[in-house]
């Protein structure tokens, strides 16, 4: 999309992390999952 086009080409960055959190629907709510690497850290665009 034009909204992201310039920035994905010219303004990329890196997040350093040791865990992320993700969720999925479960019943009327959500299940939350903490995701940690078994070793090392993470890099996210």
ModelCIF file with pLDDT and N, C-alpha, C, O atoms, coordinates in Angstrom:
data_MODEL
#
_entry.id   MODEL 
#
_entity.id                         1 
_entity.type                       polymer 
_entity.pdbx_number_of_molecules   1 
#
_entity_poly.entity_id                      1 
_entity_poly.type                           'polypeptide(L)' 
_entity_poly.nstd_linkage                   no 
_entity_poly.nstd_monomer                   no 
_entity_poly.pdbx_seq_one_letter_code       
;(UNK)(UNK)(UNK)(UNK)(UNK)(UNK)(UNK)(UNK)(UNK)(UNK)(UNK)(UNK)(UNK)(UNK)(UNK)(UNK)
(UNK)(UNK)(UNK)(UNK)(UNK)(UNK)(UNK)(UNK)(UNK)(UNK)(UNK)(UNK)(UNK)(UNK)(UNK)(UNK)
(UNK)(UNK)(UNK)(UNK)(UNK)(UNK)(UNK)(UNK)(UNK)(UNK)(UNK)(UNK)(UNK)
;
_entity_poly.pdbx_seq_one_letter_code_can   XXXXXXXXXXXXXXXXXXXXXXXXXXXXXXXXXXXXXXXXXXXXX 
_entity_poly.pdbx_strand_id                 A 
#
loop_
_entity_poly_seq.entity_id 
_entity_poly_seq.num 
_entity_poly_seq.mon_id 
_entity_poly_seq.hetero 
1 1  UNK n 
1 2  UNK n 
1 3  UNK n 
1 4  UNK n 
1 5  UNK n 
1 6  UNK n 
1 7  UNK n 
1 8  UNK n 
1 9  UNK n 
1 10 UNK n 
1 11 UNK n 
1 12 UNK n 
1 13 UNK n 
1 14 UNK n 
1 15 UNK n 
1 16 UNK n 
1 17 UNK n 
1 18 UNK n 
1 19 UNK n 
1 20 UNK n 
1 21 UNK n 
1 22 UNK n 
1 23 UNK n 
1 24 UNK n 
1 25 UNK n 
1 26 UNK n 
1 27 UNK n 
1 28 UNK n 
1 29 UNK n 
1 30 UNK n 
1 31 UNK n 
1 32 UNK n 
1 33 UNK n 
1 34 UNK n 
1 35 UNK n 
1 36 UNK n 
1 37 UNK n 
1 38 UNK n 
1 39 UNK n 
1 40 UNK n 
1 41 UNK n 
1 42 UNK n 
1 43 UNK n 
1 44 UNK n 
1 45 UNK n 
#
_struct_asym.id          A 
_struct_asym.entity_id   1 
#
loop_
_ma_qa_metric.id 
_ma_qa_metric.mode 
_ma_qa_metric.name 
_ma_qa_metric.software_group_id 
_ma_qa_metric.type 
1 global pLDDT . pLDDT 
2 local  pLDDT . pLDDT 
#
_ma_qa_metric_global.metric_id      1 
_ma_qa_metric_global.metric_value   94.58 
_ma_qa_metric_global.model_id       1 
_ma_qa_metric_global.ordinal_id     1 
#
loop_
_ma_qa_metric_local.label_asym_id 
_ma_qa_metric_local.label_comp_id 
_ma_qa_metric_local.label_seq_id 
_ma_qa_metric_local.metric_id 
_ma_qa_metric_local.metric_value 
_ma_qa_metric_local.model_id 
_ma_qa_metric_local.ordinal_id 
A UNK 1  2 94.00 1 1  
A UNK 2  2 93.00 1 2  
A UNK 3  2 96.00 1 3  
A UNK 4  2 97.00 1 4  
A UNK 5  2 94.00 1 5  
A UNK 6  2 94.00 1 6  
A UNK 7  2 97.00 1 7  
A UNK 8  2 97.00 1 8  
A UNK 9  2 96.00 1 9  
A UNK 10 2 96.00 1 10 
A UNK 11 2 98.00 1 11 
A UNK 12 2 98.00 1 12 
A UNK 13 2 98.00 1 13 
A UNK 14 2 98.00 1 14 
A UNK 15 2 98.00 1 15 
A UNK 16 2 98.00 1 16 
A UNK 17 2 98.00 1 17 
A UNK 18 2 97.00 1 18 
A UNK 19 2 97.00 1 19 
A UNK 20 2 97.00 1 20 
A UNK 21 2 96.00 1 21 
A UNK 22 2 93.00 1 22 
A UNK 23 2 93.00 1 23 
A UNK 24 2 90.00 1 24 
A UNK 25 2 86.00 1 25 
A UNK 26 2 86.00 1 26 
A UNK 27 2 84.00 1 27 
A UNK 28 2 83.00 1 28 
A UNK 29 2 87.00 1 29 
A UNK 30 2 89.00 1 30 
A UNK 31 2 92.00 1 31 
A UNK 32 2 93.00 1 32 
A UNK 33 2 95.00 1 33 
A UNK 34 2 96.00 1 34 
A UNK 35 2 96.00 1 35 
A UNK 36 2 96.00 1 36 
A UNK 37 2 97.00 1 37 
A UNK 38 2 96.00 1 38 
A UNK 39 2 94.00 1 39 
A UNK 40 2 95.00 1 40 
A UNK 41 2 97.00 1 41 
A UNK 42 2 97.00 1 42 
A UNK 43 2 98.00 1 43 
A UNK 44 2 98.00 1 44 
A UNK 45 2 98.00 1 45 
#
loop_
_atom_site.group_PDB 
_atom_site.id 
_atom_site.type_symbol 
_atom_site.label_atom_id 
_atom_site.label_alt_id 
_atom_site.label_comp_id 
_atom_site.label_asym_id 
_atom_site.label_entity_id 
_atom_site.label_seq_id 
_atom_site.pdbx_PDB_ins_code 
_atom_site.Cartn_x 
_atom_site.Cartn_y 
_atom_site.Cartn_z 
_atom_site.occupancy 
_atom_site.B_iso_or_equiv 
_atom_site.pdbx_formal_charge 
_atom_site.auth_seq_id 
_atom_site.auth_comp_id 
_atom_site.auth_asym_id 
_atom_site.auth_atom_id 
_atom_site.pdbx_PDB_model_num 
ATOM 1   N N  . UNK A 1 1  ? 0.837   -1.199  0.000  1.00 94.00 ? 1  UNK A N  1 
ATOM 2   C CA . UNK A 1 1  ? 0.000   0.000   0.000  1.00 94.00 ? 1  UNK A CA 1 
ATOM 3   C C  . UNK A 1 1  ? 0.875   1.253   0.000  1.00 94.00 ? 1  UNK A C  1 
ATOM 4   O O  . UNK A 1 1  ? 1.986   1.223   0.530  1.00 94.00 ? 1  UNK A O  1 
ATOM 5   N N  . UNK A 1 2  ? 0.396   2.349   -0.582 1.00 93.00 ? 2  UNK A N  1 
ATOM 6   C CA . UNK A 1 2  ? 1.162   3.598   -0.592 1.00 93.00 ? 2  UNK A CA 1 
ATOM 7   C C  . UNK A 1 2  ? 1.498   4.096   0.816  1.00 93.00 ? 2  UNK A C  1 
ATOM 8   O O  . UNK A 1 2  ? 2.493   4.793   1.016  1.00 93.00 ? 2  UNK A O  1 
ATOM 9   N N  . UNK A 1 3  ? 0.666   3.735   1.779  1.00 96.00 ? 3  UNK A N  1 
ATOM 10  C CA . UNK A 1 3  ? 0.880   4.208   3.148  1.00 96.00 ? 3  UNK A CA 1 
ATOM 11  C C  . UNK A 1 3  ? 2.224   3.740   3.692  1.00 96.00 ? 3  UNK A C  1 
ATOM 12  O O  . UNK A 1 3  ? 2.921   4.487   4.379  1.00 96.00 ? 3  UNK A O  1 
ATOM 13  N N  . UNK A 1 4  ? 2.584   2.487   3.376  1.00 97.00 ? 4  UNK A N  1 
ATOM 14  C CA . UNK A 1 4  ? 3.815   1.914   3.921  1.00 97.00 ? 4  UNK A CA 1 
ATOM 15  C C  . UNK A 1 4  ? 4.987   1.946   2.940  1.00 97.00 ? 4  UNK A C  1 
ATOM 16  O O  . UNK A 1 4  ? 6.137   1.768   3.341  1.00 97.00 ? 4  UNK A O  1 
ATOM 17  N N  . UNK A 1 5  ? 4.698   2.172   1.655  1.00 94.00 ? 5  UNK A N  1 
ATOM 18  C CA . UNK A 1 5  ? 5.710   1.971   0.616  1.00 94.00 ? 5  UNK A CA 1 
ATOM 19  C C  . UNK A 1 5  ? 7.018   2.696   0.841  1.00 94.00 ? 5  UNK A C  1 
ATOM 20  O O  . UNK A 1 5  ? 8.080   2.076   0.779  1.00 94.00 ? 5  UNK A O  1 
ATOM 21  N N  . UNK A 1 6  ? 6.973   3.999   1.102  1.00 94.00 ? 6  UNK A N  1 
ATOM 22  C CA . UNK A 1 6  ? 8.200   4.774   1.276  1.00 94.00 ? 6  UNK A CA 1 
ATOM 23  C C  . UNK A 1 6  ? 8.989   4.292   2.490  1.00 94.00 ? 6  UNK A C  1 
ATOM 24  O O  . UNK A 1 6  ? 10.218  4.245   2.462  1.00 94.00 ? 6  UNK A O  1 
ATOM 25  N N  . UNK A 1 7  ? 8.278   3.938   3.549  1.00 97.00 ? 7  UNK A N  1 
ATOM 26  C CA . UNK A 1 7  ? 8.956   3.623   4.805  1.00 97.00 ? 7  UNK A CA 1 
ATOM 27  C C  . UNK A 1 7  ? 9.598   2.241   4.784  1.00 97.00 ? 7  UNK A C  1 
ATOM 28  O O  . UNK A 1 7  ? 10.660  2.046   5.376  1.00 97.00 ? 7  UNK A O  1 
ATOM 29  N N  . UNK A 1 8  ? 8.964   1.272   4.105  1.00 97.00 ? 8  UNK A N  1 
ATOM 30  C CA . UNK A 1 8  ? 9.591   -0.048  4.034  1.00 97.00 ? 8  UNK A CA 1 
ATOM 31  C C  . UNK A 1 8  ? 10.807  0.001   3.115  1.00 97.00 ? 8  UNK A C  1 
ATOM 32  O O  . UNK A 1 8  ? 11.687  -0.854  3.213  1.00 97.00 ? 8  UNK A O  1 
ATOM 33  N N  . UNK A 1 9  ? 10.867  0.978   2.232  1.00 96.00 ? 9  UNK A N  1 
ATOM 34  C CA . UNK A 1 9  ? 12.048  1.127   1.377  1.00 96.00 ? 9  UNK A CA 1 
ATOM 35  C C  . UNK A 1 9  ? 13.159  1.936   2.058  1.00 96.00 ? 9  UNK A C  1 
ATOM 36  O O  . UNK A 1 9  ? 14.341  1.628   1.903  1.00 96.00 ? 9  UNK A O  1 
ATOM 37  N N  . UNK A 1 10 ? 12.772  2.968   2.810  1.00 96.00 ? 10 UNK A N  1 
ATOM 38  C CA . UNK A 1 10 ? 13.772  3.937   3.249  1.00 96.00 ? 10 UNK A CA 1 
ATOM 39  C C  . UNK A 1 10 ? 13.912  4.111   4.758  1.00 96.00 ? 10 UNK A C  1 
ATOM 40  O O  . UNK A 1 10 ? 14.870  4.741   5.206  1.00 96.00 ? 10 UNK A O  1 
ATOM 41  N N  . UNK A 1 11 ? 12.989  3.574   5.554  1.00 98.00 ? 11 UNK A N  1 
ATOM 42  C CA . UNK A 1 11 ? 13.023  3.832   6.992  1.00 98.00 ? 11 UNK A CA 1 
ATOM 43  C C  . UNK A 1 11 ? 12.840  2.530   7.778  1.00 98.00 ? 11 UNK A C  1 
ATOM 44  O O  . UNK A 1 11 ? 11.934  2.409   8.603  1.00 98.00 ? 11 UNK A O  1 
ATOM 45  N N  . UNK A 1 12 ? 13.707  1.573   7.509  1.00 98.00 ? 12 UNK A N  1 
ATOM 46  C CA . UNK A 1 12 ? 13.636  0.298   8.222  1.00 98.00 ? 12 UNK A CA 1 
ATOM 47  C C  . UNK A 1 12 ? 14.465  0.373   9.502  1.00 98.00 ? 12 UNK A C  1 
ATOM 48  O O  . UNK A 1 12 ? 15.462  1.091   9.577  1.00 98.00 ? 12 UNK A O  1 
ATOM 49  N N  . UNK A 1 13 ? 14.026  -0.391  10.507 1.00 98.00 ? 13 UNK A N  1 
ATOM 50  C CA . UNK A 1 13 ? 14.708  -0.396  11.797 1.00 98.00 ? 13 UNK A CA 1 
ATOM 51  C C  . UNK A 1 13 ? 14.653  -1.799  12.384 1.00 98.00 ? 13 UNK A C  1 
ATOM 52  O O  . UNK A 1 13 ? 13.999  -2.691  11.843 1.00 98.00 ? 13 UNK A O  1 
ATOM 53  N N  . UNK A 1 14 ? 15.352  -1.977  13.501 1.00 98.00 ? 14 UNK A N  1 
ATOM 54  C CA . UNK A 1 14 ? 15.455  -3.284  14.145 1.00 98.00 ? 14 UNK A CA 1 
ATOM 55  C C  . UNK A 1 14 ? 15.087  -3.163  15.617 1.00 98.00 ? 14 UNK A C  1 
ATOM 56  O O  . UNK A 1 14 ? 15.593  -2.293  16.325 1.00 98.00 ? 14 UNK A O  1 
ATOM 57  N N  . UNK A 1 15 ? 14.196  -4.049  16.072 1.00 98.00 ? 15 UNK A N  1 
ATOM 58  C CA . UNK A 1 15 ? 13.858  -4.158  17.488 1.00 98.00 ? 15 UNK A CA 1 
ATOM 59  C C  . UNK A 1 15 ? 14.634  -5.343  18.066 1.00 98.00 ? 15 UNK A C  1 
ATOM 60  O O  . UNK A 1 15 ? 14.624  -6.433  17.494 1.00 98.00 ? 15 UNK A O  1 
ATOM 61  N N  . UNK A 1 16 ? 15.296  -5.130  19.186 1.00 98.00 ? 16 UNK A N  1 
ATOM 62  C CA . UNK A 1 16 ? 15.966  -6.222  19.893 1.00 98.00 ? 16 UNK A CA 1 
ATOM 63  C C  . UNK A 1 16 ? 15.054  -6.658  21.035 1.00 98.00 ? 16 UNK A C  1 
ATOM 64  O O  . UNK A 1 16 ? 14.596  -5.827  21.819 1.00 98.00 ? 16 UNK A O  1 
ATOM 65  N N  . UNK A 1 17 ? 14.792  -7.957  21.129 1.00 98.00 ? 17 UNK A N  1 
ATOM 66  C CA . UNK A 1 17 ? 13.842  -8.461  22.126 1.00 98.00 ? 17 UNK A CA 1 
ATOM 67  C C  . UNK A 1 17 ? 14.338  -9.766  22.722 1.00 98.00 ? 17 UNK A C  1 
ATOM 68  O O  . UNK A 1 17 ? 15.185  -10.451 22.150 1.00 98.00 ? 17 UNK A O  1 
ATOM 69  N N  . UNK A 1 18 ? 13.789  -10.092 23.884 1.00 97.00 ? 18 UNK A N  1 
ATOM 70  C CA . UNK A 1 18 ? 14.043  -11.401 24.485 1.00 97.00 ? 18 UNK A CA 1 
ATOM 71  C C  . UNK A 1 18 ? 12.760  -12.216 24.608 1.00 97.00 ? 18 UNK A C  1 
ATOM 72  O O  . UNK A 1 18 ? 12.795  -13.364 25.049 1.00 97.00 ? 18 UNK A O  1 
ATOM 73  N N  . UNK A 1 19 ? 11.614  -11.623 24.217 1.00 97.00 ? 19 UNK A N  1 
ATOM 74  C CA . UNK A 1 19 ? 10.342  -12.355 24.188 1.00 97.00 ? 19 UNK A CA 1 
ATOM 75  C C  . UNK A 1 19 ? 9.328   -11.526 23.417 1.00 97.00 ? 19 UNK A C  1 
ATOM 76  O O  . UNK A 1 19 ? 9.450   -10.305 23.312 1.00 97.00 ? 19 UNK A O  1 
ATOM 77  N N  . UNK A 1 20 ? 8.319   -12.213 22.878 1.00 97.00 ? 20 UNK A N  1 
ATOM 78  C CA . UNK A 1 20 ? 7.169   -11.543 22.276 1.00 97.00 ? 20 UNK A CA 1 
ATOM 79  C C  . UNK A 1 20 ? 5.903   -12.188 22.817 1.00 97.00 ? 20 UNK A C  1 
ATOM 80  O O  . UNK A 1 20 ? 5.931   -13.310 23.322 1.00 97.00 ? 20 UNK A O  1 
ATOM 81  N N  . UNK A 1 21 ? 4.796   -11.470 22.706 1.00 96.00 ? 21 UNK A N  1 
ATOM 82  C CA . UNK A 1 21 ? 3.512   -12.003 23.121 1.00 96.00 ? 21 UNK A CA 1 
ATOM 83  C C  . UNK A 1 21 ? 2.550   -12.022 21.956 1.00 96.00 ? 21 UNK A C  1 
ATOM 84  O O  . UNK A 1 21 ? 2.454   -11.052 21.205 1.00 96.00 ? 21 UNK A O  1 
ATOM 85  N N  . UNK A 1 22 ? 1.828   -13.135 21.800 1.00 93.00 ? 22 UNK A N  1 
ATOM 86  C CA . UNK A 1 22 ? 0.834   -13.266 20.742 1.00 93.00 ? 22 UNK A CA 1 
ATOM 87  C C  . UNK A 1 22 ? -0.466  -13.809 21.346 1.00 93.00 ? 22 UNK A C  1 
ATOM 88  O O  . UNK A 1 22 ? -0.457  -14.412 22.420 1.00 93.00 ? 22 UNK A O  1 
ATOM 89  N N  . UNK A 1 23 ? -1.568  -13.591 20.651 1.00 93.00 ? 23 UNK A N  1 
ATOM 90  C CA . UNK A 1 23 ? -2.875  -14.021 21.144 1.00 93.00 ? 23 UNK A CA 1 
ATOM 91  C C  . UNK A 1 23 ? -3.697  -14.628 20.021 1.00 93.00 ? 23 UNK A C  1 
ATOM 92  O O  . UNK A 1 23 ? -3.524  -14.292 18.849 1.00 93.00 ? 23 UNK A O  1 
ATOM 93  N N  . UNK A 1 24 ? -4.600  -15.532 20.402 1.00 90.00 ? 24 UNK A N  1 
ATOM 94  C CA . UNK A 1 24 ? -5.567  -16.118 19.484 1.00 90.00 ? 24 UNK A CA 1 
ATOM 95  C C  . UNK A 1 24 ? -6.939  -16.148 20.156 1.00 90.00 ? 24 UNK A C  1 
ATOM 96  O O  . UNK A 1 24 ? -7.027  -16.265 21.379 1.00 90.00 ? 24 UNK A O  1 
ATOM 97  N N  . UNK A 1 25 ? -7.990  -16.045 19.379 1.00 86.00 ? 25 UNK A N  1 
ATOM 98  C CA . UNK A 1 25 ? -9.333  -16.126 19.970 1.00 86.00 ? 25 UNK A CA 1 
ATOM 99  C C  . UNK A 1 25 ? -9.548  -17.463 20.677 1.00 86.00 ? 25 UNK A C  1 
ATOM 100 O O  . UNK A 1 25 ? -9.096  -18.510 20.213 1.00 86.00 ? 25 UNK A O  1 
ATOM 101 N N  . UNK A 1 26 ? -10.250 -17.401 21.810 1.00 86.00 ? 26 UNK A N  1 
ATOM 102 C CA . UNK A 1 26 ? -10.608 -18.603 22.557 1.00 86.00 ? 26 UNK A CA 1 
ATOM 103 C C  . UNK A 1 26 ? -11.944 -18.338 23.244 1.00 86.00 ? 26 UNK A C  1 
ATOM 104 O O  . UNK A 1 26 ? -12.024 -17.548 24.185 1.00 86.00 ? 26 UNK A O  1 
ATOM 105 N N  . UNK A 1 27 ? -12.983 -19.001 22.767 1.00 84.00 ? 27 UNK A N  1 
ATOM 106 C CA . UNK A 1 27 ? -14.308 -18.759 23.312 1.00 84.00 ? 27 UNK A CA 1 
ATOM 107 C C  . UNK A 1 27 ? -14.709 -17.320 23.089 1.00 84.00 ? 27 UNK A C  1 
ATOM 108 O O  . UNK A 1 27 ? -14.659 -16.818 21.967 1.00 84.00 ? 27 UNK A O  1 
ATOM 109 N N  . UNK A 1 28 ? -15.111 -16.650 24.170 1.00 83.00 ? 28 UNK A N  1 
ATOM 110 C CA . UNK A 1 28 ? -15.491 -15.241 24.066 1.00 83.00 ? 28 UNK A CA 1 
ATOM 111 C C  . UNK A 1 28 ? -14.319 -14.306 24.357 1.00 83.00 ? 28 UNK A C  1 
ATOM 112 O O  . UNK A 1 28 ? -14.471 -13.084 24.352 1.00 83.00 ? 28 UNK A O  1 
ATOM 113 N N  . UNK A 1 29 ? -13.161 -14.888 24.608 1.00 87.00 ? 29 UNK A N  1 
ATOM 114 C CA . UNK A 1 29 ? -11.992 -14.079 24.914 1.00 87.00 ? 29 UNK A CA 1 
ATOM 115 C C  . UNK A 1 29 ? -10.805 -14.444 24.043 1.00 87.00 ? 29 UNK A C  1 
ATOM 116 O O  . UNK A 1 29 ? -10.956 -14.795 22.873 1.00 87.00 ? 29 UNK A O  1 
ATOM 117 N N  . UNK A 1 30 ? -9.622  -14.355 24.635 1.00 89.00 ? 30 UNK A N  1 
ATOM 118 C CA . UNK A 1 30 ? -8.393  -14.660 23.912 1.00 89.00 ? 30 UNK A CA 1 
ATOM 119 C C  . UNK A 1 30 ? -7.455  -15.459 24.802 1.00 89.00 ? 30 UNK A C  1 
ATOM 120 O O  . UNK A 1 30 ? -7.431  -15.293 26.022 1.00 89.00 ? 30 UNK A O  1 
ATOM 121 N N  . UNK A 1 31 ? -6.691  -16.322 24.168 1.00 92.00 ? 31 UNK A N  1 
ATOM 122 C CA . UNK A 1 31 ? -5.597  -17.011 24.840 1.00 92.00 ? 31 UNK A CA 1 
ATOM 123 C C  . UNK A 1 31 ? -4.313  -16.250 24.535 1.00 92.00 ? 31 UNK A C  1 
ATOM 124 O O  . UNK A 1 31 ? -4.038  -15.922 23.381 1.00 92.00 ? 31 UNK A O  1 
ATOM 125 N N  . UNK A 1 32 ? -3.529  -15.972 25.572 1.00 93.00 ? 32 UNK A N  1 
ATOM 126 C CA . UNK A 1 32 ? -2.295  -15.203 25.426 1.00 93.00 ? 32 UNK A CA 1 
ATOM 127 C C  . UNK A 1 32 ? -1.098  -16.124 25.566 1.00 93.00 ? 32 UNK A C  1 
ATOM 128 O O  . UNK A 1 32 ? -1.046  -16.959 26.469 1.00 93.00 ? 32 UNK A O  1 
ATOM 129 N N  . UNK A 1 33 ? -0.133  -15.968 24.664 1.00 95.00 ? 33 UNK A N  1 
ATOM 130 C CA . UNK A 1 33 ? 1.040   -16.836 24.637 1.00 95.00 ? 33 UNK A CA 1 
ATOM 131 C C  . UNK A 1 33 ? 2.318   -15.992 24.729 1.00 95.00 ? 33 UNK A C  1 
ATOM 132 O O  . UNK A 1 33 ? 2.544   -15.097 23.915 1.00 95.00 ? 33 UNK A O  1 
ATOM 133 N N  . UNK A 1 34 ? 3.136   -16.289 25.724 1.00 96.00 ? 34 UNK A N  1 
ATOM 134 C CA . UNK A 1 34 ? 4.441   -15.662 25.845 1.00 96.00 ? 34 UNK A CA 1 
ATOM 135 C C  . UNK A 1 34 ? 5.460   -16.554 25.154 1.00 96.00 ? 34 UNK A C  1 
ATOM 136 O O  . UNK A 1 34 ? 5.574   -17.736 25.477 1.00 96.00 ? 34 UNK A O  1 
ATOM 137 N N  . UNK A 1 35 ? 6.192   -15.999 24.216 1.00 96.00 ? 35 UNK A N  1 
ATOM 138 C CA . UNK A 1 35 ? 7.096   -16.762 23.365 1.00 96.00 ? 35 UNK A CA 1 
ATOM 139 C C  . UNK A 1 35 ? 8.526   -16.299 23.614 1.00 96.00 ? 35 UNK A C  1 
ATOM 140 O O  . UNK A 1 35 ? 8.890   -15.165 23.302 1.00 96.00 ? 35 UNK A O  1 
ATOM 141 N N  . UNK A 1 36 ? 9.339   -17.206 24.188 1.00 96.00 ? 36 UNK A N  1 
ATOM 142 C CA . UNK A 1 36 ? 10.723  -16.884 24.505 1.00 96.00 ? 36 UNK A CA 1 
ATOM 143 C C  . UNK A 1 36 ? 11.656  -17.829 23.752 1.00 96.00 ? 36 UNK A C  1 
ATOM 144 O O  . UNK A 1 36 ? 11.401  -19.032 23.695 1.00 96.00 ? 36 UNK A O  1 
ATOM 145 N N  . UNK A 1 37 ? 12.732  -17.298 23.176 1.00 97.00 ? 37 UNK A N  1 
ATOM 146 C CA . UNK A 1 37 ? 13.710  -18.192 22.548 1.00 97.00 ? 37 UNK A CA 1 
ATOM 147 C C  . UNK A 1 37 ? 14.348  -19.100 23.593 1.00 97.00 ? 37 UNK A C  1 
ATOM 148 O O  . UNK A 1 37 ? 14.616  -18.673 24.716 1.00 97.00 ? 37 UNK A O  1 
ATOM 149 N N  . UNK A 1 38 ? 14.587  -20.338 23.222 1.00 96.00 ? 38 UNK A N  1 
ATOM 150 C CA . UNK A 1 38 ? 15.222  -21.264 24.158 1.00 96.00 ? 38 UNK A CA 1 
ATOM 151 C C  . UNK A 1 38 ? 16.669  -20.876 24.418 1.00 96.00 ? 38 UNK A C  1 
ATOM 152 O O  . UNK A 1 38 ? 17.247  -21.261 25.434 1.00 96.00 ? 38 UNK A O  1 
ATOM 153 N N  . UNK A 1 39 ? 17.251  -20.121 23.509 1.00 94.00 ? 39 UNK A N  1 
ATOM 154 C CA . UNK A 1 39 ? 18.581  -19.558 23.714 1.00 94.00 ? 39 UNK A CA 1 
ATOM 155 C C  . UNK A 1 39 ? 18.705  -18.307 22.857 1.00 94.00 ? 39 UNK A C  1 
ATOM 156 O O  . UNK A 1 39 ? 18.112  -18.206 21.783 1.00 94.00 ? 39 UNK A O  1 
ATOM 157 N N  . UNK A 1 40 ? 19.482  -17.366 23.354 1.00 95.00 ? 40 UNK A N  1 
ATOM 158 C CA . UNK A 1 40 ? 19.714  -16.153 22.585 1.00 95.00 ? 40 UNK A CA 1 
ATOM 159 C C  . UNK A 1 40 ? 18.573  -15.154 22.667 1.00 95.00 ? 40 UNK A C  1 
ATOM 160 O O  . UNK A 1 40 ? 17.648  -15.303 23.465 1.00 95.00 ? 40 UNK A O  1 
ATOM 161 N N  . UNK A 1 41 ? 18.658  -14.130 21.822 1.00 97.00 ? 41 UNK A N  1 
ATOM 162 C CA . UNK A 1 41 ? 17.669  -13.071 21.758 1.00 97.00 ? 41 UNK A CA 1 
ATOM 163 C C  . UNK A 1 41 ? 17.049  -13.037 20.363 1.00 97.00 ? 41 UNK A C  1 
ATOM 164 O O  . UNK A 1 41 ? 17.303  -13.916 19.539 1.00 97.00 ? 41 UNK A O  1 
ATOM 165 N N  . UNK A 1 42 ? 16.234  -12.012 20.109 1.00 97.00 ? 42 UNK A N  1 
ATOM 166 C CA . UNK A 1 42 ? 15.468  -11.910 18.860 1.00 97.00 ? 42 UNK A CA 1 
ATOM 167 C C  . UNK A 1 42 ? 15.711  -10.573 18.189 1.00 97.00 ? 42 UNK A C  1 
ATOM 168 O O  . UNK A 1 42 ? 15.984  -9.573  18.852 1.00 97.00 ? 42 UNK A O  1 
ATOM 169 N N  . UNK A 1 43 ? 15.611  -10.563 16.868 1.00 98.00 ? 43 UNK A N  1 
ATOM 170 C CA . UNK A 1 43 ? 15.615  -9.331  16.096 1.00 98.00 ? 43 UNK A CA 1 
ATOM 171 C C  . UNK A 1 43 ? 14.320  -9.292  15.287 1.00 98.00 ? 43 UNK A C  1 
ATOM 172 O O  . UNK A 1 43 ? 13.949  -10.272 14.642 1.00 98.00 ? 43 UNK A O  1 
ATOM 173 N N  . UNK A 1 44 ? 13.635  -8.144  15.330 1.00 98.00 ? 44 UNK A N  1 
ATOM 174 C CA . UNK A 1 44 ? 12.349  -7.991  14.653 1.00 98.00 ? 44 UNK A CA 1 
ATOM 175 C C  . UNK A 1 44 ? 12.410  -6.750  13.784 1.00 98.00 ? 44 UNK A C  1 
ATOM 176 O O  . UNK A 1 44 ? 12.914  -5.713  14.215 1.00 98.00 ? 44 UNK A O  1 
ATOM 177 N N  . UNK A 1 45 ? 11.897  -6.848  12.558 1.00 98.00 ? 45 UNK A N  1 
ATOM 178 C CA . UNK A 1 45 ? 11.886  -5.719  11.644 1.00 98.00 ? 45 UNK A CA 1 
ATOM 179 C C  . UNK A 1 45 ? 10.817  -4.700  11.993 1.00 98.00 ? 45 UNK A C  1 
ATOM 180 O O  . UNK A 1 45 ? 10.684  -3.686  11.308 1.00 98.00 ? 45 UNK A O  1 
#
